[in-house]
Amino acid sequence: MGNNSELVRLEEFVDKLLTKYNQLKSEYLSLRDTLAERDAECADLKNSISNLSNERSEVGSRVAGLVDRIEQWENEQVPLSQEPVEQHGGPQGSLFGGDAGNKE
């Protein structure tokens, strides 16, 4: 009977081992799926960052083009020295109103 009790202990030990193995295998598969999801999320975020970077570059280029067009337009305008000057010190004189030397 001593061998029988040893055999029962061995069976219980093997059952515990198999149960623990199945738990670990299940946890491993779950973690592997989670890792795959995170990898996909990281790839999506990298693509988003790349797209935003490209979009930012495009916006920067377009703004630079607009600034160039404005500068070109300004250069094509008649210089201020050739325009008639208004009595109140030019176009800004009316913005500030009154006499510049008269401070209260």
PDB file of N, CA and C in Angstrom:
ATOM      1  N   MET A   1       0.801  -1.195   0.000  1.00  0.00           N
ATOM      2  CA  MET A   1       0.000   0.000   0.000  1.00  0.00           C
ATOM      3  C   MET A   1       0.844   1.260   0.000  1.00  0.00           C
ATOM      4  N   GLY A   2       2.075   1.152   0.432  1.00  0.00           N
ATOM      5  CA  GLY A   2       2.964   2.295   0.427  1.00  0.00           C
ATOM      6  C   GLY A   2       3.181   2.814  -0.972  1.00  0.00           C
ATOM      7  N   ASN A   3       3.247   1.868  -1.917  1.00  0.00           N
ATOM      8  CA  ASN A   3       3.420   2.283  -3.300  1.00  0.00           C
ATOM      9  C   ASN A   3       2.179   2.971  -3.838  1.00  0.00           C
ATOM     10  N   ASN A   4       1.010   2.533  -3.331  1.00  0.00           N
ATOM     11  CA  ASN A   4      -0.257   3.119  -3.780  1.00  0.00           C
ATOM     12  C   ASN A   4      -0.355   4.587  -3.342  1.00  0.00           C
ATOM     13  N   SER A   5       0.053   4.887  -2.106  1.00  0.00           N
ATOM     14  CA  SER A   5      -0.017   6.270  -1.623  1.00  0.00           C
ATOM     15  C   SER A   5       0.998   7.143  -2.371  1.00  0.00           C
ATOM     16  N   GLU A   6       2.137   6.578  -2.682  1.00  0.00           N
ATOM     17  CA  GLU A   6       3.128   7.310  -3.459  1.00  0.00           C
ATOM     18  C   GLU A   6       2.617   7.578  -4.873  1.00  0.00           C
ATOM     19  N   LEU A   7       1.905   6.593  -5.425  1.00  0.00           N
ATOM     20  CA  LEU A   7       1.328   6.757  -6.759  1.00  0.00           C
ATOM     21  C   LEU A   7       0.239   7.832  -6.754  1.00  0.00           C
ATOM     22  N   VAL A   8      -0.557   7.878  -5.705  1.00  0.00           N
ATOM     23  CA  VAL A   8      -1.604   8.903  -5.576  1.00  0.00           C
ATOM     24  C   VAL A   8      -0.948  10.285  -5.468  1.00  0.00           C
ATOM     25  N   ARG A   9       0.093  10.395  -4.666  1.00  0.00           N
ATOM     26  CA  ARG A   9       0.800  11.676  -4.543  1.00  0.00           C
ATOM     27  C   ARG A   9       1.375  12.112  -5.879  1.00  0.00           C
ATOM     28  N   LEU A  10       1.939  11.184  -6.622  1.00  0.00           N
ATOM     29  CA  LEU A  10       2.496  11.481  -7.941  1.00  0.00           C
ATOM     30  C   LEU A  10       1.399  11.941  -8.890  1.00  0.00           C
ATOM     31  N   GLU A  11       0.247  11.277  -8.866  1.00  0.00           N
ATOM     32  CA  GLU A  11      -0.891  11.674  -9.720  1.00  0.00           C
ATOM     33  C   GLU A  11      -1.353  13.092  -9.369  1.00  0.00           C
ATOM     34  N   GLU A  12      -1.445  13.399  -8.072  1.00  0.00           N
ATOM     35  CA  GLU A  12      -1.867  14.734  -7.638  1.00  0.00           C
ATOM     36  C   GLU A  12      -0.841  15.790  -8.097  1.00  0.00           C
ATOM     37  N   PHE A  13       0.424  15.433  -7.950  1.00  0.00           N
ATOM     38  CA  PHE A  13       1.482  16.357  -8.372  1.00  0.00           C
ATOM     39  C   PHE A  13       1.413  16.614  -9.875  1.00  0.00           C
ATOM     40  N   VAL A  14       1.205  15.564 -10.668  1.00  0.00           N
ATOM     41  CA  VAL A  14       1.099  15.700 -12.117  1.00  0.00           C
ATOM     42  C   VAL A  14      -0.140  16.517 -12.469  1.00  0.00           C
ATOM     43  N   ASP A  15      -1.260  16.277 -11.776  1.00  0.00           N
ATOM     44  CA  ASP A  15      -2.473  17.064 -12.022  1.00  0.00           C
ATOM     45  C   ASP A  15      -2.235  18.552 -11.751  1.00  0.00           C
ATOM     46  N   LYS A  16      -1.566  18.853 -10.630  1.00  0.00           N
ATOM     47  CA  LYS A  16      -1.260  20.250 -10.304  1.00  0.00           C
ATOM     48  C   LYS A  16      -0.345  20.862 -11.363  1.00  0.00           C
ATOM     49  N   LEU A  17       0.644  20.070 -11.782  1.00  0.00           N
ATOM     50  CA  LEU A  17       1.564  20.551 -12.806  1.00  0.00           C
ATOM     51  C   LEU A  17       0.831  20.847 -14.111  1.00  0.00           C
ATOM     52  N   LEU A  18      -0.037  19.947 -14.535  1.00  0.00           N
ATOM     53  CA  LEU A  18      -0.797  20.144 -15.776  1.00  0.00           C
ATOM     54  C   LEU A  18      -1.754  21.329 -15.659  1.00  0.00           C
ATOM     55  N   THR A  19      -2.372  21.483 -14.504  1.00  0.00           N
ATOM     56  CA  THR A  19      -3.270  22.616 -14.285  1.00  0.00           C
ATOM     57  C   THR A  19      -2.489  23.930 -14.375  1.00  0.00           C
ATOM     58  N   LYS A  20      -1.341  23.974 -13.696  1.00  0.00           N
ATOM     59  CA  LYS A  20      -0.514  25.175 -13.730  1.00  0.00           C
ATOM     60  C   LYS A  20      -0.003  25.445 -15.147  1.00  0.00           C
ATOM     61  N   TYR A  21       0.382  24.379 -15.856  1.00  0.00           N
ATOM     62  CA  TYR A  21       0.844  24.532 -17.235  1.00  0.00           C
ATOM     63  C   TYR A  21      -0.263  25.130 -18.103  1.00  0.00           C
ATOM     64  N   ASN A  22      -1.484  24.614 -17.977  1.00  0.00           N
ATOM     65  CA  ASN A  22      -2.605  25.126 -18.772  1.00  0.00           C
ATOM     66  C   ASN A  22      -2.919  26.579 -18.427  1.00  0.00           C
ATOM     67  N   GLN A  23      -2.792  26.948 -17.147  1.00  0.00           N
ATOM     68  CA  GLN A  23      -3.005  28.340 -16.743  1.00  0.00           C
ATOM     69  C   GLN A  23      -1.944  29.242 -17.375  1.00  0.00           C
ATOM     70  N   LEU A  24      -0.699  28.792 -17.295  1.00  0.00           N
ATOM     71  CA  LEU A  24       0.391  29.579 -17.870  1.00  0.00           C
ATOM     72  C   LEU A  24       0.266  29.697 -19.384  1.00  0.00           C
ATOM     73  N   LYS A  25      -0.143  28.621 -20.020  1.00  0.00           N
ATOM     74  CA  LYS A  25      -0.321  28.649 -21.469  1.00  0.00           C
ATOM     75  C   LYS A  25      -1.430  29.624 -21.850  1.00  0.00           C
ATOM     76  N   SER A  26      -2.521  29.596 -21.108  1.00  0.00           N
ATOM     77  CA  SER A  26      -3.626  30.522 -21.361  1.00  0.00           C
ATOM     78  C   SER A  26      -3.177  31.969 -21.155  1.00  0.00           C
ATOM     79  N   GLU A  27      -2.435  32.217 -20.089  1.00  0.00           N
ATOM     80  CA  GLU A  27      -1.925  33.568 -19.819  1.00  0.00           C
ATOM     81  C   GLU A  27      -0.960  34.006 -20.922  1.00  0.00           C
ATOM     82  N   TYR A  28      -0.105  33.095 -21.360  1.00  0.00           N
ATOM     83  CA  TYR A  28       0.829  33.392 -22.442  1.00  0.00           C
ATOM     84  C   TYR A  28       0.085  33.795 -23.712  1.00  0.00           C
ATOM     85  N   LEU A  29      -0.940  33.021 -24.080  1.00  0.00           N
ATOM     86  CA  LEU A  29      -1.701  33.335 -25.294  1.00  0.00           C
ATOM     87  C   LEU A  29      -2.391  34.687 -25.172  1.00  0.00           C
ATOM     88  N   SER A  30      -2.921  34.967 -23.996  1.00  0.00           N
ATOM     89  CA  SER A  30      -3.581  36.256 -23.763  1.00  0.00           C
ATOM     90  C   SER A  30      -2.573  37.399 -23.879  1.00  0.00           C
ATOM     91  N   LEU A  31      -1.406  37.223 -23.277  1.00  0.00           N
ATOM     92  CA  LEU A  31      -0.373  38.254 -23.347  1.00  0.00           C
ATOM     93  C   LEU A  31       0.142  38.437 -24.769  1.00  0.00           C
ATOM     94  N   ARG A  32       0.245  37.349 -25.499  1.00  0.00           N
ATOM     95  CA  ARG A  32       0.690  37.425 -26.884  1.00  0.00           C
ATOM     96  C   ARG A  32      -0.311  38.224 -27.720  1.00  0.00           C
ATOM     97  N   ASP A  33      -1.612  37.994 -27.493  1.00  0.00           N
ATOM     98  CA  ASP A  33      -2.636  38.757 -28.207  1.00  0.00           C
ATOM     99  C   ASP A  33      -2.572  40.239 -27.833  1.00  0.00           C
ATOM    100  N   THR A  34      -2.401  40.500 -26.541  1.00  0.00           N
ATOM    101  CA  THR A  34      -2.295  41.888 -26.080  1.00  0.00           C
ATOM    102  C   THR A  34      -1.079  42.563 -26.712  1.00  0.00           C
ATOM    103  N   LEU A  35       0.035  41.848 -26.777  1.00  0.00           N
ATOM    104  CA  LEU A  35       1.240  42.398 -27.383  1.00  0.00           C
ATOM    105  C   LEU A  35       1.024  42.697 -28.868  1.00  0.00           C
ATOM    106  N   ALA A  36       0.333  41.804 -29.556  1.00  0.00           N
ATOM    107  CA  ALA A  36       0.056  42.033 -30.980  1.00  0.00           C
ATOM    108  C   ALA A  36      -0.816  43.275 -31.161  1.00  0.00           C
ATOM    109  N   GLU A  37      -1.805  43.444 -30.274  1.00  0.00           N
ATOM    110  CA  GLU A  37      -2.664  44.633 -30.343  1.00  0.00           C
ATOM    111  C   GLU A  37      -1.854  45.894 -30.089  1.00  0.00           C
ATOM    112  N   ARG A  38      -0.962  45.851 -29.100  1.00  0.00           N
ATOM    113  CA  ARG A  38      -0.132  47.015 -28.776  1.00  0.00           C
ATOM    114  C   ARG A  38       0.825  47.330 -29.914  1.00  0.00           C
ATOM    115  N   ASP A  39       1.378  46.287 -30.529  1.00  0.00           N
ATOM    116  CA  ASP A  39       2.268  46.508 -31.674  1.00  0.00           C
ATOM    117  C   ASP A  39       1.520  47.192 -32.815  1.00  0.00           C
ATOM    118  N   ALA A  40       0.286  46.734 -33.056  1.00  0.00           N
ATOM    119  CA  ALA A  40      -0.527  47.350 -34.110  1.00  0.00           C
ATOM    120  C   ALA A  40      -0.839  48.802 -33.751  1.00  0.00           C
ATOM    121  N   GLU A  41      -1.137  49.052 -32.482  1.00  0.00           N
ATOM    122  CA  GLU A  41      -1.428  50.420 -32.035  1.00  0.00           C
ATOM    123  C   GLU A  41      -0.200  51.313 -32.186  1.00  0.00           C
ATOM    124  N   CYS A  42       0.966  50.791 -31.841  1.00  0.00           N
ATOM    125  CA  CYS A  42       2.213  51.558 -32.009  1.00  0.00           C
ATOM    126  C   CYS A  42       2.459  51.877 -33.481  1.00  0.00           C
ATOM    127  N   ALA A  43       2.220  50.904 -34.343  1.00  0.00           N
ATOM    128  CA  ALA A  43       2.406  51.132 -35.778  1.00  0.00           C
ATOM    129  C   ALA A  43       1.437  52.210 -36.270  1.00  0.00           C
ATOM    130  N   ASP A  44       0.189  52.156 -35.797  1.00  0.00           N
ATOM    131  CA  ASP A  44      -0.791  53.178 -36.182  1.00  0.00           C
ATOM    132  C   ASP A  44      -0.356  54.558 -35.699  1.00  0.00           C
ATOM    133  N   LEU A  45       0.138  54.623 -34.469  1.00  0.00           N
ATOM    134  CA  LEU A  45       0.586  55.911 -33.931  1.00  0.00           C
ATOM    135  C   LEU A  45       1.786  56.451 -34.703  1.00  0.00           C
ATOM    136  N   LYS A  46       2.708  55.567 -35.087  1.00  0.00           N
ATOM    137  CA  LYS A  46       3.857  56.009 -35.884  1.00  0.00           C
ATOM    138  C   LYS A  46       3.392  56.537 -37.235  1.00  0.00           C
ATOM    139  N   ASN A  47       2.411  55.866 -37.837  1.00  0.00           N
ATOM    140  CA  ASN A  47       1.870  56.349 -39.110  1.00  0.00           C
ATOM    141  C   ASN A  47       1.198  57.702 -38.925  1.00  0.00           C
ATOM    142  N   SER A  48       0.463  57.854 -37.816  1.00  0.00           N
ATOM    143  CA  SER A  48      -0.203  59.133 -37.551  1.00  0.00           C
ATOM    144  C   SER A  48       0.824  60.244 -37.380  1.00  0.00           C
ATOM    145  N   ILE A  49       1.893  59.953 -36.648  1.00  0.00           N
ATOM    146  CA  ILE A  49       2.942  60.952 -36.443  1.00  0.00           C
ATOM    147  C   ILE A  49       3.576  61.313 -37.778  1.00  0.00           C
ATOM    148  N   SER A  50       3.833  60.310 -38.597  1.00  0.00           N
ATOM    149  CA  SER A  50       4.420  60.557 -39.910  1.00  0.00           C
ATOM    150  C   SER A  50       3.482  61.403 -40.766  1.00  0.00           C
ATOM    151  N   ASN A  51       2.193  61.063 -40.738  1.00  0.00           N
ATOM    152  CA  ASN A  51       1.214  61.836 -41.507  1.00  0.00           C
ATOM    153  C   ASN A  51       1.134  63.270 -41.007  1.00  0.00           C
ATOM    154  N   LEU A  52       1.139  63.446 -39.679  1.00  0.00           N
ATOM    155  CA  LEU A  52       1.082  64.797 -39.123  1.00  0.00           C
ATOM    156  C   LEU A  52       2.341  65.581 -39.478  1.00  0.00           C
ATOM    157  N   SER A  53       3.477  64.902 -39.465  1.00  0.00           N
ATOM    158  CA  SER A  53       4.728  65.566 -39.833  1.00  0.00           C
ATOM    159  C   SER A  53       4.686  66.008 -41.292  1.00  0.00           C
ATOM    160  N   ASN A  54       4.195  65.126 -42.160  1.00  0.00           N
ATOM    161  CA  ASN A  54       4.066  65.482 -43.576  1.00  0.00           C
ATOM    162  C   ASN A  54       3.091  66.634 -43.756  1.00  0.00           C
ATOM    163  N   GLU A  55       1.984  66.573 -43.015  1.00  0.00           N
ATOM    164  CA  GLU A  55       0.985  67.638 -43.112  1.00  0.00           C
ATOM    165  C   GLU A  55       1.570  68.961 -42.616  1.00  0.00           C
ATOM    166  N   ARG A  56       2.343  68.889 -41.536  1.00  0.00           N
ATOM    167  CA  ARG A  56       2.968  70.098 -40.990  1.00  0.00           C
ATOM    168  C   ARG A  56       3.941  70.689 -42.009  1.00  0.00           C
ATOM    169  N   SER A  57       4.719  69.829 -42.661  1.00  0.00           N
ATOM    170  CA  SER A  57       5.649  70.301 -43.682  1.00  0.00           C
ATOM    171  C   SER A  57       4.901  70.956 -44.835  1.00  0.00           C
ATOM    172  N   GLU A  58       3.800  70.338 -45.235  1.00  0.00           N
ATOM    173  CA  GLU A  58       3.003  70.895 -46.336  1.00  0.00           C
ATOM    174  C   GLU A  58       2.432  72.255 -45.946  1.00  0.00           C
ATOM    175  N   VAL A  59       1.917  72.353 -44.724  1.00  0.00           N
ATOM    176  CA  VAL A  59       1.359  73.634 -44.269  1.00  0.00           C
ATOM    177  C   VAL A  59       2.468  74.685 -44.219  1.00  0.00           C
ATOM    178  N   GLY A  60       3.654  74.283 -43.716  1.00  0.00           N
ATOM    179  CA  GLY A  60       4.780  75.214 -43.666  1.00  0.00           C
ATOM    180  C   GLY A  60       5.163  75.708 -45.055  1.00  0.00           C
ATOM    181  N   SER A  61       5.169  74.795 -46.004  1.00  0.00           N
ATOM    182  CA  SER A  61       5.507  75.176 -47.379  1.00  0.00           C
ATOM    183  C   SER A  61       4.461  76.124 -47.961  1.00  0.00           C
ATOM    184  N   ARG A  62       3.206  75.822 -47.677  1.00  0.00           N
ATOM    185  CA  ARG A  62       2.139  76.684 -48.203  1.00  0.00           C
ATOM    186  C   ARG A  62       2.190  78.070 -47.573  1.00  0.00           C
ATOM    187  N   VAL A  63       2.461  78.124 -46.265  1.00  0.00           N
ATOM    188  CA  VAL A  63       2.566  79.427 -45.586  1.00  0.00           C
ATOM    189  C   VAL A  63       3.754  80.198 -46.147  1.00  0.00           C
ATOM    190  N   ALA A  64       4.882  79.509 -46.357  1.00  0.00           N
ATOM    191  CA  ALA A  64       6.051  80.177 -46.934  1.00  0.00           C
ATOM    192  C   ALA A  64       5.714  80.716 -48.324  1.00  0.00           C
ATOM    193  N   GLY A  65       4.955  79.960 -49.101  1.00  0.00           N
ATOM    194  CA  GLY A  65       4.531  80.427 -50.416  1.00  0.00           C
ATOM    195  C   GLY A  65       3.653  81.662 -50.320  1.00  0.00           C
ATOM    196  N   LEU A  66       2.738  81.663 -49.342  1.00  0.00           N
ATOM    197  CA  LEU A  66       1.878  82.834 -49.145  1.00  0.00           C
ATOM    198  C   LEU A  66       2.710  84.058 -48.750  1.00  0.00           C
ATOM    199  N   VAL A  67       3.669  83.855 -47.846  1.00  0.00           N
ATOM    200  CA  VAL A  67       4.527  84.965 -47.426  1.00  0.00           C
ATOM    201  C   VAL A  67       5.312  85.491 -48.622  1.00  0.00           C
ATOM    202  N   ASP A  68       5.826  84.593 -49.440  1.00  0.00           N
ATOM    203  CA  ASP A  68       6.546  85.021 -50.652  1.00  0.00           C
ATOM    204  C   ASP A  68       5.646  85.823 -51.579  1.00  0.00           C
ATOM    205  N   ARG A  69       4.406  85.352 -51.730  1.00  0.00           N
ATOM    206  CA  ARG A  69       3.471  86.082 -52.603  1.00  0.00           C
ATOM    207  C   ARG A  69       3.169  87.460 -52.042  1.00  0.00           C
ATOM    208  N   ILE A  70       3.019  87.565 -50.717  1.00  0.00           N
ATOM    209  CA  ILE A  70       2.755  88.868 -50.090  1.00  0.00           C
ATOM    210  C   ILE A  70       3.956  89.790 -50.276  1.00  0.00           C
ATOM    211  N   GLU A  71       5.160  89.245 -50.065  1.00  0.00           N
ATOM    212  CA  GLU A  71       6.366  90.061 -50.245  1.00  0.00           C
ATOM    213  C   GLU A  71       6.495  90.521 -51.696  1.00  0.00           C
ATOM    214  N   GLN A  72       6.189  89.634 -52.633  1.00  0.00           N
ATOM    215  CA  GLN A  72       6.244  90.001 -54.042  1.00  0.00           C
ATOM    216  C   GLN A  72       5.223  91.094 -54.327  1.00  0.00           C
ATOM    217  N   TRP A  73       4.020  90.954 -53.779  1.00  0.00           N
ATOM    218  CA  TRP A  73       2.978  91.960 -53.980  1.00  0.00           C
ATOM    219  C   TRP A  73       3.434  93.296 -53.391  1.00  0.00           C
ATOM    220  N   GLU A  74       4.035  93.261 -52.196  1.00  0.00           N
ATOM    221  CA  GLU A  74       4.514  94.495 -51.571  1.00  0.00           C
ATOM    222  C   GLU A  74       5.584  95.166 -52.425  1.00  0.00           C
ATOM    223  N   ASN A  75       6.462  94.367 -52.993  1.00  0.00           N
ATOM    224  CA  ASN A  75       7.535  94.922 -53.831  1.00  0.00           C
ATOM    225  C   ASN A  75       6.994  95.527 -55.118  1.00  0.00           C
ATOM    226  N   GLU A  76       5.871  95.038 -55.578  1.00  0.00           N
ATOM    227  CA  GLU A  76       5.278  95.566 -56.806  1.00  0.00           C
ATOM    228  C   GLU A  76       4.497  96.852 -56.576  1.00  0.00           C
ATOM    229  N   GLN A  77       4.193  97.176 -55.312  1.00  0.00           N
ATOM    230  CA  GLN A  77       3.412  98.371 -55.007  1.00  0.00           C
ATOM    231  C   GLN A  77       4.274  99.618 -55.151  1.00  0.00           C
ATOM    232  N   VAL A  78       3.615 100.747 -55.324  1.00  0.00           N
ATOM    233  CA  VAL A  78       4.304 102.030 -55.450  1.00  0.00           C
ATOM    234  C   VAL A  78       4.929 102.350 -54.092  1.00  0.00           C
ATOM    235  N   PRO A  79       6.190 102.734 -54.064  1.00  0.00           N
ATOM    236  CA  PRO A  79       6.813 103.083 -52.775  1.00  0.00           C
ATOM    237  C   PRO A  79       6.049 104.209 -52.096  1.00  0.00           C
ATOM    238  N   LEU A  80       6.060 104.212 -50.762  1.00  0.00           N
ATOM    239  CA  LEU A  80       5.323 105.205 -49.993  1.00  0.00           C
ATOM    240  C   LEU A  80       5.799 106.624 -50.298  1.00  0.00           C
ATOM    241  N   SER A  81       7.059 106.804 -50.625  1.00  0.00           N
ATOM    242  CA  SER A  81       7.587 108.142 -50.895  1.00  0.00           C
ATOM    243  C   SER A  81       6.958 108.745 -52.146  1.00  0.00           C
ATOM    244  N   GLN A  82       6.396 107.935 -53.034  1.00  0.00           N
ATOM    245  CA  GLN A  82       5.774 108.443 -54.250  1.00  0.00           C
ATOM    246  C   GLN A  82       4.266 108.632 -54.092  1.00  0.00           C
ATOM    247  N   GLU A  83       3.686 108.139 -52.969  1.00  0.00           N
ATOM    248  CA  GLU A  83       2.244 108.298 -52.753  1.00  0.00           C
ATOM    249  C   GLU A  83       1.978 109.653 -52.117  1.00  0.00           C
ATOM    250  N   PRO A  84       0.803 110.212 -52.379  1.00  0.00           N
ATOM    251  CA  PRO A  84       0.453 111.469 -51.702  1.00  0.00           C
ATOM    252  C   PRO A  84       0.254 111.211 -50.210  1.00  0.00           C
ATOM    253  N   VAL A  85       0.760 112.139 -49.388  1.00  0.00           N
ATOM    254  CA  VAL A  85       0.678 111.995 -47.938  1.00  0.00           C
ATOM    255  C   VAL A  85      -0.530 112.774 -47.452  1.00  0.00           C
ATOM    256  N   GLU A  86      -1.310 112.141 -46.537  1.00  0.00           N
ATOM    257  CA  GLU A  86      -2.475 112.828 -45.975  1.00  0.00           C
ATOM    258  C   GLU A  86      -2.007 113.859 -44.964  1.00  0.00           C
ATOM    259  N   GLN A  87      -2.892 114.798 -44.620  1.00  0.00           N
ATOM    260  CA  GLN A  87      -2.533 115.894 -43.728  1.00  0.00           C
ATOM    261  C   GLN A  87      -2.234 115.433 -42.309  1.00  0.00           C
ATOM    262  N   HIS A  88      -2.832 114.362 -41.852  1.00  0.00           N
ATOM    263  CA  HIS A  88      -2.673 113.939 -40.458  1.00  0.00           C
ATOM    264  C   HIS A  88      -1.513 112.969 -40.284  1.00  0.00           C
ATOM    265  N   GLY A  89      -0.484 113.115 -41.036  1.00  0.00           N
ATOM    266  CA  GLY A  89       0.698 112.272 -40.874  1.00  0.00           C
ATOM    267  C   GLY A  89       0.568 110.924 -41.547  1.00  0.00           C
ATOM    268  N   GLY A  90      -0.099 110.847 -42.642  1.00  0.00           N
ATOM    269  CA  GLY A  90      -0.214 109.585 -43.371  1.00  0.00           C
ATOM    270  C   GLY A  90      -1.413 108.788 -42.915  1.00  0.00           C
ATOM    271  N   PRO A  91      -1.531 107.601 -43.392  1.00  0.00           N
ATOM    272  CA  PRO A  91      -2.701 106.789 -43.090  1.00  0.00           C
ATOM    273  C   PRO A  91      -2.841 106.484 -41.604  1.00  0.00           C
ATOM    274  N   GLN A  92      -1.758 106.446 -40.850  1.00  0.00           N
ATOM    275  CA  GLN A  92      -1.844 106.125 -39.433  1.00  0.00           C
ATOM    276  C   GLN A  92      -2.213 107.339 -38.595  1.00  0.00           C
ATOM    277  N   GLY A  93      -2.085 108.533 -39.144  1.00  0.00           N
ATOM    278  CA  GLY A  93      -2.410 109.729 -38.376  1.00  0.00           C
ATOM    279  C   GLY A  93      -3.838 109.714 -37.878  1.00  0.00           C
ATOM    280  N   SER A  94      -4.762 109.251 -38.687  1.00  0.00           N
ATOM    281  CA  SER A  94      -6.160 109.231 -38.269  1.00  0.00           C
ATOM    282  C   SER A  94      -6.434 108.129 -37.255  1.00  0.00           C
ATOM    283  N   LEU A  95      -5.575 107.131 -37.176  1.00  0.00           N
ATOM    284  CA  LEU A  95      -5.780 106.047 -36.224  1.00  0.00           C
ATOM    285  C   LEU A  95      -5.555 106.517 -34.791  1.00  0.00           C
ATOM    286  N   PHE A  96      -4.601 107.395 -34.625  1.00  0.00           N
ATOM    287  CA  PHE A  96      -4.265 107.827 -33.282  1.00  0.00           C
ATOM    288  C   PHE A  96      -4.991 109.107 -32.885  1.00  0.00           C
ATOM    289  N   GLY A  97      -5.542 109.794 -33.831  1.00  0.00           N
ATOM    290  CA  GLY A  97      -6.350 110.982 -33.582  1.00  0.00           C
ATOM    291  C   GLY A  97      -5.613 112.056 -32.808  1.00  0.00           C
ATOM    292  N   GLY A  98      -5.894 113.263 -33.131  1.00  0.00           N
ATOM    293  CA  GLY A  98      -5.322 114.387 -32.407  1.00  0.00           C
ATOM    294  C   GLY A  98      -3.871 114.648 -32.754  1.00  0.00           C
ATOM    295  N   ASP A  99      -3.292 115.588 -32.038  1.00  0.00           N
ATOM    296  CA  ASP A  99      -1.928 116.030 -32.286  1.00  0.00           C
ATOM    297  C   ASP A  99      -0.972 115.152 -31.502  1.00  0.00           C
ATOM    298  N   ALA A 100       0.080 114.662 -32.138  1.00  0.00           N
ATOM    299  CA  ALA A 100       1.038 113.776 -31.468  1.00  0.00           C
ATOM    300  C   ALA A 100       1.779 114.498 -30.366  1.00  0.00           C
ATOM    301  N   GLY A 101       1.992 115.786 -30.477  1.00  0.00           N
ATOM    302  CA  GLY A 101       2.734 116.530 -29.462  1.00  0.00           C
ATOM    303  C   GLY A 101       1.854 116.937 -28.293  1.00  0.00           C
ATOM    304  N   ASN A 102       0.565 116.779 -28.378  1.00  0.00           N
ATOM    305  CA  ASN A 102      -0.362 117.213 -27.344  1.00  0.00           C
ATOM    306  C   ASN A 102      -0.704 116.018 -26.440  1.00  0.00           C
ATOM    307  N   LYS A 103       0.044 115.815 -25.339  1.00  0.00           N
ATOM    308  CA  LYS A 103      -0.181 114.703 -24.408  1.00  0.00           C
ATOM    309  C   LYS A 103      -0.873 115.227 -23.165  1.00  0.00           C
ATOM    310  N   GLU A 104      -1.817 114.436 -22.678  1.00  0.00           N
ATOM    311  CA  GLU A 104      -2.536 114.854 -21.473  1.00  0.00           C
ATOM    312  C   GLU A 104      -2.069 114.086 -20.286  1.00  0.00           C
TER     313      GLU A 104
END
